Structure formats: structure tokens, C-alpha cells
Amino acid sequence: MTGRRREGHQGQALVEFSIAILVFLVMVMGIFDLGRGIYQFNGVSEASREIARVTSVHRGSACPPACTSPETLAVIATQKNLVPSLGDPVFDCIGPSGSVKPSSGCVPGDSVRVTIFAPYGPVTPLLGFANGTRPPCADPAFACLQSSSTVKIQ
């Protein structure tokens, strides 16, 4: 029986391949989603650092809560172009003791803290079933990525 297949086993390899390829594709898409999540988290972290750095140098008047200097607004616009679905940053003034100061504005010696959020939605069909709104992200998201950066004002 060399070179000949036994009857009834012609489709066995195709069935085994179809089962194995499904598992393999789900694993590859899961790895892809994990990579996207890490990339987006890194982007959110970098956005909060950059916005905090620029805001500490160019605070404008009454910052926080309204950190609306042209330089800060330009960096926020740039970061929103780089990171998909990036939310609006939340600014806090941290006093020398480490406590949050009232919204009366920061002075030199204080620190400005920037907190920012972005929703993350997976591409993998199995993870996509776990979709729901996660506060503070407004969009439906599998996860809400958050980053906070604090920079001292000189």
C-alpha cells in the first residue's frame, strides 16, 4: 500500500488543518491586539509627559484648571493626531507637600499633573465580545488606558 491513501481518509488532513489554522489565527490576532494595546498605552503615556512638560513651562493664566496657553493647546492638538481617541487632559496643581491645591493656579515651586485617557478596543473577535463602556472613557471600550505625569514648575 505504498503511495496510496486508504479509503475514507482523503479529507482527514484538510479537517486537521482547518482546526489548527483557526487556533493559530486567533493566537496571532491576540498577539497583534496585545502589541496594539502596548503601543497605544505608550502613546498615551508619552502624550501625558509631553503635555505636562509644555504646560509646566507655558502655563498661561489660571492654570489649572484652564491651561490654555497657545503652546499647550498646540501640543494637545499634536498628541490627539498621534494617539487615536485621546481624551481631553485633566490638569491639577500639586503643592510642595504633595497635596492637590485648589483651582487657583500654580506658582513656581508647585507641580502640574496631567491625567489623560484613551479607550482601547481590540480587533480580535473573541475579545471584542467583552465590549462595554468603561468610565472615564466616553466611547465603548474594552479597556480605558490612563496615564498621569507630574512636572515641577520652575
N, C-alpha and C. Protein backbone atom coordinates (compact mmCIF):
# COMPACT_ATOMS: atom_id res chain seq x y z
N MET A 1 0.80 -1.20 0.00
CA MET A 1 0.00 0.00 0.00
C MET A 1 0.84 1.26 0.00
N THR A 2 1.98 1.23 -0.57
CA THR A 2 2.80 2.43 -0.61
C THR A 2 2.29 3.36 -1.70
N GLY A 3 2.25 4.66 -1.35
CA GLY A 3 1.83 5.66 -2.33
C GLY A 3 0.33 5.80 -2.47
N ARG A 4 -0.45 4.98 -1.82
CA ARG A 4 -1.91 5.07 -1.94
C ARG A 4 -2.51 5.39 -0.58
N ARG A 5 -3.57 6.18 -0.59
CA ARG A 5 -4.28 6.51 0.65
C ARG A 5 -5.36 5.47 0.89
N ARG A 6 -5.61 5.22 2.15
CA ARG A 6 -6.69 4.31 2.49
C ARG A 6 -8.02 5.02 2.26
N GLU A 7 -9.00 4.27 1.90
CA GLU A 7 -10.31 4.85 1.65
C GLU A 7 -10.89 5.42 2.94
N GLY A 8 -11.60 6.56 2.81
CA GLY A 8 -12.22 7.19 3.96
C GLY A 8 -11.32 8.18 4.69
N HIS A 9 -10.07 8.34 4.24
CA HIS A 9 -9.14 9.25 4.92
C HIS A 9 -8.69 10.38 3.99
N GLN A 10 -9.38 10.61 2.87
CA GLN A 10 -8.94 11.64 1.94
C GLN A 10 -9.04 13.04 2.53
N GLY A 11 -10.05 13.33 3.34
CA GLY A 11 -10.25 14.67 3.88
C GLY A 11 -9.69 14.88 5.27
N GLN A 12 -9.01 13.89 5.81
CA GLN A 12 -8.51 13.98 7.18
C GLN A 12 -7.52 15.13 7.34
N ALA A 13 -6.59 15.27 6.42
CA ALA A 13 -5.58 16.34 6.52
C ALA A 13 -6.24 17.71 6.43
N LEU A 14 -7.24 17.85 5.57
CA LEU A 14 -7.93 19.13 5.43
C LEU A 14 -8.68 19.50 6.71
N VAL A 15 -9.32 18.56 7.34
CA VAL A 15 -10.06 18.83 8.58
C VAL A 15 -9.08 19.19 9.70
N GLU A 16 -7.99 18.46 9.81
CA GLU A 16 -7.00 18.76 10.84
C GLU A 16 -6.39 20.14 10.61
N PHE A 17 -6.11 20.48 9.35
CA PHE A 17 -5.55 21.79 9.03
C PHE A 17 -6.54 22.89 9.39
N SER A 18 -7.81 22.72 9.08
CA SER A 18 -8.79 23.76 9.36
C SER A 18 -8.95 23.99 10.86
N ILE A 19 -8.86 22.95 11.66
CA ILE A 19 -8.93 23.12 13.11
C ILE A 19 -7.67 23.82 13.62
N ALA A 20 -6.52 23.41 13.14
CA ALA A 20 -5.27 24.00 13.61
C ALA A 20 -5.12 25.45 13.17
N ILE A 21 -5.56 25.80 11.95
CA ILE A 21 -5.39 27.16 11.46
C ILE A 21 -6.28 28.13 12.23
N LEU A 22 -7.45 27.69 12.68
CA LEU A 22 -8.32 28.56 13.48
C LEU A 22 -7.65 28.93 14.80
N VAL A 23 -7.10 27.95 15.47
CA VAL A 23 -6.41 28.22 16.73
C VAL A 23 -5.21 29.13 16.49
N PHE A 24 -4.46 28.85 15.45
CA PHE A 24 -3.28 29.65 15.13
C PHE A 24 -3.66 31.10 14.81
N LEU A 25 -4.70 31.32 14.02
CA LEU A 25 -5.11 32.68 13.66
C LEU A 25 -5.62 33.46 14.87
N VAL A 26 -6.35 32.83 15.75
CA VAL A 26 -6.80 33.51 16.96
C VAL A 26 -5.60 33.91 17.82
N MET A 27 -4.61 33.03 17.92
CA MET A 27 -3.40 33.37 18.68
C MET A 27 -2.65 34.52 18.05
N VAL A 28 -2.51 34.53 16.73
CA VAL A 28 -1.80 35.60 16.04
C VAL A 28 -2.55 36.93 16.21
N MET A 29 -3.88 36.90 16.08
CA MET A 29 -4.65 38.14 16.26
C MET A 29 -4.57 38.61 17.71
N GLY A 30 -4.52 37.70 18.67
CA GLY A 30 -4.36 38.08 20.08
C GLY A 30 -3.02 38.75 20.32
N ILE A 31 -1.96 38.22 19.71
CA ILE A 31 -0.63 38.84 19.83
C ILE A 31 -0.65 40.21 19.17
N PHE A 32 -1.32 40.34 18.04
CA PHE A 32 -1.45 41.63 17.36
C PHE A 32 -2.17 42.63 18.25
N ASP A 33 -3.27 42.21 18.89
CA ASP A 33 -4.01 43.08 19.79
C ASP A 33 -3.18 43.50 20.99
N LEU A 34 -2.42 42.57 21.54
CA LEU A 34 -1.55 42.90 22.67
C LEU A 34 -0.53 43.95 22.26
N GLY A 35 0.06 43.79 21.09
CA GLY A 35 1.01 44.78 20.58
C GLY A 35 0.38 46.14 20.37
N ARG A 36 -0.84 46.15 19.82
CA ARG A 36 -1.56 47.42 19.63
C ARG A 36 -1.85 48.09 20.96
N GLY A 37 -2.24 47.28 21.95
CA GLY A 37 -2.53 47.83 23.27
C GLY A 37 -1.29 48.45 23.92
N ILE A 38 -0.17 47.76 23.82
CA ILE A 38 1.08 48.29 24.37
C ILE A 38 1.48 49.56 23.63
N TYR A 39 1.34 49.56 22.31
CA TYR A 39 1.68 50.74 21.52
C TYR A 39 0.80 51.93 21.89
N GLN A 40 -0.50 51.69 22.05
CA GLN A 40 -1.41 52.78 22.39
C GLN A 40 -1.16 53.26 23.82
N PHE A 41 -0.89 52.34 24.75
CA PHE A 41 -0.57 52.75 26.12
C PHE A 41 0.69 53.61 26.15
N ASN A 42 1.69 53.23 25.37
CA ASN A 42 2.91 54.02 25.28
C ASN A 42 2.61 55.41 24.71
N GLY A 43 1.73 55.48 23.72
CA GLY A 43 1.35 56.78 23.15
C GLY A 43 0.63 57.66 24.15
N VAL A 44 -0.26 57.07 24.96
CA VAL A 44 -0.98 57.83 25.99
C VAL A 44 0.00 58.32 27.05
N SER A 45 0.94 57.48 27.44
CA SER A 45 1.95 57.88 28.44
C SER A 45 2.82 59.01 27.92
N GLU A 46 3.25 58.88 26.68
CA GLU A 46 4.09 59.93 26.08
C GLU A 46 3.31 61.23 25.93
N ALA A 47 2.03 61.14 25.59
CA ALA A 47 1.20 62.34 25.47
C ALA A 47 1.10 63.07 26.80
N SER A 48 0.87 62.33 27.88
CA SER A 48 0.75 62.99 29.19
C SER A 48 2.08 63.63 29.60
N ARG A 49 3.20 62.96 29.32
CA ARG A 49 4.51 63.54 29.65
C ARG A 49 4.77 64.82 28.86
N GLU A 50 4.48 64.78 27.57
CA GLU A 50 4.75 65.94 26.72
C GLU A 50 3.85 67.11 27.10
N ILE A 51 2.57 66.85 27.34
CA ILE A 51 1.65 67.92 27.71
C ILE A 51 2.05 68.51 29.07
N ALA A 52 2.44 67.68 30.02
CA ALA A 52 2.88 68.17 31.33
C ALA A 52 4.15 69.00 31.21
N ARG A 53 5.08 68.56 30.38
CA ARG A 53 6.33 69.30 30.20
C ARG A 53 6.07 70.69 29.64
N VAL A 54 5.27 70.76 28.58
CA VAL A 54 5.00 72.06 27.95
C VAL A 54 4.16 72.94 28.87
N THR A 55 3.22 72.35 29.58
CA THR A 55 2.36 73.13 30.48
C THR A 55 3.17 73.70 31.65
N SER A 56 4.17 72.98 32.12
CA SER A 56 4.98 73.49 33.23
C SER A 56 5.80 74.71 32.80
N VAL A 57 6.13 74.78 31.54
CA VAL A 57 6.91 75.93 31.04
C VAL A 57 5.98 77.06 30.58
N HIS A 58 4.90 76.72 29.91
CA HIS A 58 3.96 77.70 29.35
C HIS A 58 2.59 77.49 29.99
N ARG A 59 2.43 77.94 31.25
CA ARG A 59 1.19 77.70 31.97
C ARG A 59 0.04 78.57 31.48
N GLY A 60 0.30 79.81 31.22
CA GLY A 60 -0.78 80.73 30.94
C GLY A 60 -1.42 81.16 32.24
N SER A 61 -2.48 81.94 32.16
CA SER A 61 -3.14 82.43 33.37
C SER A 61 -4.16 81.40 33.86
N ALA A 62 -4.32 81.33 35.17
CA ALA A 62 -5.28 80.44 35.83
C ALA A 62 -5.10 78.98 35.44
N CYS A 63 -3.88 78.53 35.46
CA CYS A 63 -3.61 77.13 35.14
C CYS A 63 -3.19 76.41 36.40
N PRO A 64 -3.81 75.36 36.78
CA PRO A 64 -5.07 74.80 36.31
C PRO A 64 -6.26 75.56 36.86
N PRO A 65 -7.44 75.29 36.44
CA PRO A 65 -7.92 74.21 35.59
C PRO A 65 -7.85 74.53 34.11
N ALA A 66 -7.73 75.81 33.74
CA ALA A 66 -7.77 76.17 32.33
C ALA A 66 -6.36 76.45 31.81
N CYS A 67 -5.66 75.40 31.44
CA CYS A 67 -4.30 75.55 30.91
C CYS A 67 -4.41 75.72 29.40
N THR A 68 -4.64 76.95 28.99
CA THR A 68 -4.95 77.20 27.58
C THR A 68 -3.92 78.09 26.91
N SER A 69 -2.66 77.96 27.30
CA SER A 69 -1.65 78.72 26.58
C SER A 69 -1.56 78.19 25.15
N PRO A 70 -1.18 79.01 24.20
CA PRO A 70 -1.10 78.53 22.80
C PRO A 70 -0.16 77.34 22.64
N GLU A 71 0.92 77.32 23.39
CA GLU A 71 1.87 76.20 23.30
C GLU A 71 1.24 74.90 23.80
N THR A 72 0.54 74.98 24.92
CA THR A 72 -0.12 73.79 25.46
C THR A 72 -1.20 73.28 24.52
N LEU A 73 -2.00 74.20 23.98
CA LEU A 73 -3.05 73.80 23.04
C LEU A 73 -2.47 73.16 21.78
N ALA A 74 -1.32 73.67 21.33
CA ALA A 74 -0.68 73.10 20.13
C ALA A 74 -0.20 71.67 20.41
N VAL A 75 0.38 71.45 21.58
CA VAL A 75 0.86 70.10 21.92
C VAL A 75 -0.31 69.14 22.09
N ILE A 76 -1.41 69.60 22.70
CA ILE A 76 -2.59 68.75 22.85
C ILE A 76 -3.13 68.35 21.48
N ALA A 77 -3.19 69.31 20.55
CA ALA A 77 -3.67 69.01 19.20
C ALA A 77 -2.75 68.00 18.50
N THR A 78 -1.44 68.17 18.66
CA THR A 78 -0.49 67.24 18.05
C THR A 78 -0.65 65.84 18.62
N GLN A 79 -0.78 65.73 19.95
CA GLN A 79 -0.91 64.42 20.57
C GLN A 79 -2.23 63.75 20.19
N LYS A 80 -3.29 64.54 20.01
CA LYS A 80 -4.57 63.96 19.59
C LYS A 80 -4.49 63.43 18.16
N ASN A 81 -3.62 64.02 17.34
CA ASN A 81 -3.41 63.49 15.99
C ASN A 81 -2.59 62.20 16.02
N LEU A 82 -1.72 62.06 17.01
CA LEU A 82 -0.85 60.88 17.09
C LEU A 82 -1.51 59.69 17.76
N VAL A 83 -2.35 59.93 18.77
CA VAL A 83 -2.96 58.85 19.54
C VAL A 83 -4.45 58.81 19.22
N PRO A 84 -4.95 57.71 18.68
CA PRO A 84 -6.37 57.63 18.34
C PRO A 84 -7.26 57.73 19.57
N SER A 85 -8.31 58.50 19.47
CA SER A 85 -9.35 58.64 20.51
C SER A 85 -8.82 59.20 21.83
N LEU A 86 -7.75 59.97 21.80
CA LEU A 86 -7.20 60.56 23.01
C LEU A 86 -8.18 61.57 23.57
N GLY A 87 -8.47 61.46 24.86
CA GLY A 87 -9.41 62.37 25.51
C GLY A 87 -8.77 63.70 25.85
N ASP A 88 -9.55 64.56 26.47
CA ASP A 88 -9.03 65.86 26.91
C ASP A 88 -8.27 65.67 28.21
N PRO A 89 -7.13 66.37 28.35
CA PRO A 89 -6.34 66.21 29.57
C PRO A 89 -7.01 66.92 30.75
N VAL A 90 -6.73 66.38 31.94
CA VAL A 90 -7.19 66.98 33.20
C VAL A 90 -5.95 67.50 33.91
N PHE A 91 -5.98 68.77 34.28
CA PHE A 91 -4.83 69.42 34.92
C PHE A 91 -5.10 69.60 36.41
N ASP A 92 -4.09 69.30 37.23
CA ASP A 92 -4.14 69.54 38.67
C ASP A 92 -2.86 70.23 39.09
N CYS A 93 -2.98 71.06 40.12
CA CYS A 93 -1.81 71.71 40.70
C CYS A 93 -1.46 70.97 41.98
N ILE A 94 -0.23 70.52 42.09
CA ILE A 94 0.23 69.78 43.25
C ILE A 94 1.18 70.69 44.03
N GLY A 95 0.87 70.93 45.29
CA GLY A 95 1.70 71.79 46.13
C GLY A 95 2.97 71.08 46.55
N PRO A 96 3.88 71.83 47.20
CA PRO A 96 5.14 71.23 47.66
C PRO A 96 4.94 70.07 48.64
N SER A 97 3.81 70.06 49.36
CA SER A 97 3.55 68.99 50.32
C SER A 97 3.04 67.72 49.63
N GLY A 98 2.70 67.81 48.33
CA GLY A 98 2.21 66.65 47.59
C GLY A 98 0.71 66.58 47.52
N SER A 99 0.01 67.55 48.08
CA SER A 99 -1.45 67.53 48.04
C SER A 99 -1.95 68.40 46.88
N VAL A 100 -3.14 68.08 46.41
CA VAL A 100 -3.75 68.84 45.31
C VAL A 100 -4.20 70.18 45.85
N LYS A 101 -3.77 71.24 45.16
CA LYS A 101 -4.16 72.59 45.55
C LYS A 101 -5.49 72.95 44.91
N PRO A 102 -6.22 73.89 45.50
CA PRO A 102 -7.46 74.35 44.87
C PRO A 102 -7.17 74.98 43.51
N SER A 103 -8.20 75.17 42.74
CA SER A 103 -8.07 75.65 41.36
C SER A 103 -7.74 77.14 41.30
N SER A 104 -6.73 77.56 42.01
CA SER A 104 -6.36 78.97 42.00
C SER A 104 -5.12 79.24 41.16
N GLY A 105 -4.60 78.25 40.51
CA GLY A 105 -3.42 78.42 39.69
C GLY A 105 -2.16 77.97 40.39
N CYS A 106 -1.19 77.53 39.62
CA CYS A 106 0.08 77.07 40.16
C CYS A 106 1.07 78.22 40.20
N VAL A 107 2.01 78.13 41.11
CA VAL A 107 3.09 79.10 41.21
C VAL A 107 4.41 78.33 41.12
N PRO A 108 5.52 79.02 40.84
CA PRO A 108 6.80 78.31 40.84
C PRO A 108 7.04 77.59 42.16
N GLY A 109 7.52 76.37 42.07
CA GLY A 109 7.70 75.52 43.24
C GLY A 109 6.63 74.44 43.33
N ASP A 110 5.46 74.71 42.73
CA ASP A 110 4.41 73.71 42.65
C ASP A 110 4.69 72.78 41.48
N SER A 111 3.87 71.78 41.33
CA SER A 111 3.96 70.88 40.18
C SER A 111 2.62 70.85 39.47
N VAL A 112 2.65 70.62 38.18
CA VAL A 112 1.42 70.45 37.41
C VAL A 112 1.31 68.97 37.05
N ARG A 113 0.12 68.41 37.32
CA ARG A 113 -0.13 67.00 36.99
C ARG A 113 -1.14 66.94 35.86
N VAL A 114 -0.81 66.17 34.84
CA VAL A 114 -1.69 65.99 33.68
C VAL A 114 -2.13 64.54 33.66
N THR A 115 -3.44 64.33 33.63
CA THR A 115 -4.00 62.99 33.53
C THR A 115 -4.81 62.93 32.24
N ILE A 116 -4.60 61.86 31.48
CA ILE A 116 -5.27 61.76 30.18
C ILE A 116 -5.72 60.31 29.96
N PHE A 117 -6.79 60.14 29.20
CA PHE A 117 -7.40 58.83 28.97
C PHE A 117 -7.57 58.58 27.48
N ALA A 118 -7.62 57.31 27.12
CA ALA A 118 -7.93 56.91 25.75
C ALA A 118 -8.56 55.52 25.78
N PRO A 119 -9.67 55.31 25.06
CA PRO A 119 -10.28 53.98 25.03
C PRO A 119 -9.47 53.05 24.14
N TYR A 120 -9.50 51.77 24.48
CA TYR A 120 -8.83 50.75 23.65
C TYR A 120 -9.85 49.68 23.31
N GLY A 121 -9.97 49.40 22.03
CA GLY A 121 -10.86 48.34 21.56
C GLY A 121 -10.07 47.31 20.76
N PRO A 122 -10.17 46.04 21.11
CA PRO A 122 -9.41 45.01 20.41
C PRO A 122 -10.00 44.68 19.05
N VAL A 123 -9.19 44.10 18.20
CA VAL A 123 -9.61 43.65 16.88
C VAL A 123 -10.02 42.18 16.93
N THR A 124 -9.42 41.42 17.84
CA THR A 124 -9.70 40.00 17.97
C THR A 124 -11.18 39.78 18.27
N PRO A 125 -11.85 38.95 17.48
CA PRO A 125 -13.29 38.76 17.68
C PRO A 125 -13.66 38.27 19.07
N LEU A 126 -12.87 37.41 19.66
CA LEU A 126 -13.21 36.88 20.99
C LEU A 126 -13.13 37.96 22.06
N LEU A 127 -12.15 38.84 21.98
CA LEU A 127 -12.06 39.93 22.95
C LEU A 127 -13.09 41.01 22.67
N GLY A 128 -13.51 41.15 21.43
CA GLY A 128 -14.49 42.16 21.06
C GLY A 128 -15.86 41.91 21.68
N PHE A 129 -16.15 40.66 22.07
CA PHE A 129 -17.43 40.37 22.70
C PHE A 129 -17.54 41.00 24.09
N ALA A 130 -16.42 41.30 24.71
CA ALA A 130 -16.41 41.87 26.06
C ALA A 130 -16.45 43.39 25.99
N ASN A 131 -17.16 43.94 25.04
CA ASN A 131 -17.22 45.38 24.84
C ASN A 131 -18.18 46.02 25.82
N GLY A 132 -17.81 47.16 26.36
CA GLY A 132 -18.67 47.91 27.27
C GLY A 132 -18.04 49.25 27.58
N THR A 133 -18.80 50.16 28.10
CA THR A 133 -18.26 51.48 28.42
C THR A 133 -17.52 51.40 29.75
N ARG A 134 -16.33 51.91 29.75
CA ARG A 134 -15.52 51.94 30.96
C ARG A 134 -15.21 53.40 31.30
N PRO A 135 -15.82 53.95 32.35
CA PRO A 135 -15.51 55.33 32.72
C PRO A 135 -14.03 55.45 33.06
N PRO A 136 -13.39 56.53 32.81
CA PRO A 136 -13.88 57.81 32.31
C PRO A 136 -13.89 57.92 30.80
N CYS A 137 -13.64 56.86 30.08
CA CYS A 137 -13.71 56.91 28.62
C CYS A 137 -15.17 56.96 28.20
N ALA A 138 -15.50 57.87 27.31
CA ALA A 138 -16.89 58.03 26.87
C ALA A 138 -17.28 56.98 25.83
N ASP A 139 -16.33 56.56 25.01
CA ASP A 139 -16.62 55.60 23.96
C ASP A 139 -16.68 54.19 24.53
N PRO A 140 -17.46 53.30 23.90
CA PRO A 140 -17.38 51.90 24.32
C PRO A 140 -15.96 51.39 24.14
N ALA A 141 -15.45 50.76 25.14
CA ALA A 141 -14.05 50.33 25.10
C ALA A 141 -13.89 49.03 25.86
N PHE A 142 -12.96 48.21 25.40
CA PHE A 142 -12.59 47.00 26.13
C PHE A 142 -11.81 47.40 27.38
N ALA A 143 -10.99 48.44 27.23
CA ALA A 143 -10.20 48.96 28.35
C ALA A 143 -10.05 50.46 28.18
N CYS A 144 -9.83 51.14 29.27
CA CYS A 144 -9.60 52.58 29.25
C CYS A 144 -8.16 52.81 29.69
N LEU A 145 -7.32 53.25 28.77
CA LEU A 145 -5.92 53.49 29.08
C LEU A 145 -5.78 54.85 29.74
N GLN A 146 -5.03 54.93 30.82
CA GLN A 146 -4.86 56.16 31.56
C GLN A 146 -3.39 56.39 31.83
N SER A 147 -2.98 57.65 31.77
CA SER A 147 -1.61 57.99 32.15
C SER A 147 -1.64 59.32 32.87
N SER A 148 -0.75 59.46 33.82
CA SER A 148 -0.65 60.69 34.59
C SER A 148 0.82 61.04 34.71
N SER A 149 1.14 62.32 34.46
CA SER A 149 2.52 62.79 34.58
C SER A 149 2.55 64.07 35.39
N THR A 150 3.56 64.20 36.23
CA THR A 150 3.71 65.38 37.08
C THR A 150 5.06 66.00 36.80
N VAL A 151 5.07 67.33 36.56
CA VAL A 151 6.30 68.06 36.29
C VAL A 151 6.34 69.28 37.19
N LYS A 152 7.49 69.52 37.82
CA LYS A 152 7.65 70.66 38.72
C LYS A 152 7.82 71.94 37.92
N ILE A 153 7.17 72.99 38.42
CA ILE A 153 7.24 74.31 37.77
C ILE A 153 8.43 75.04 38.34
N GLN A 154 9.27 75.53 37.49
CA GLN A 154 10.47 76.28 37.91
C GLN A 154 10.21 77.76 37.94
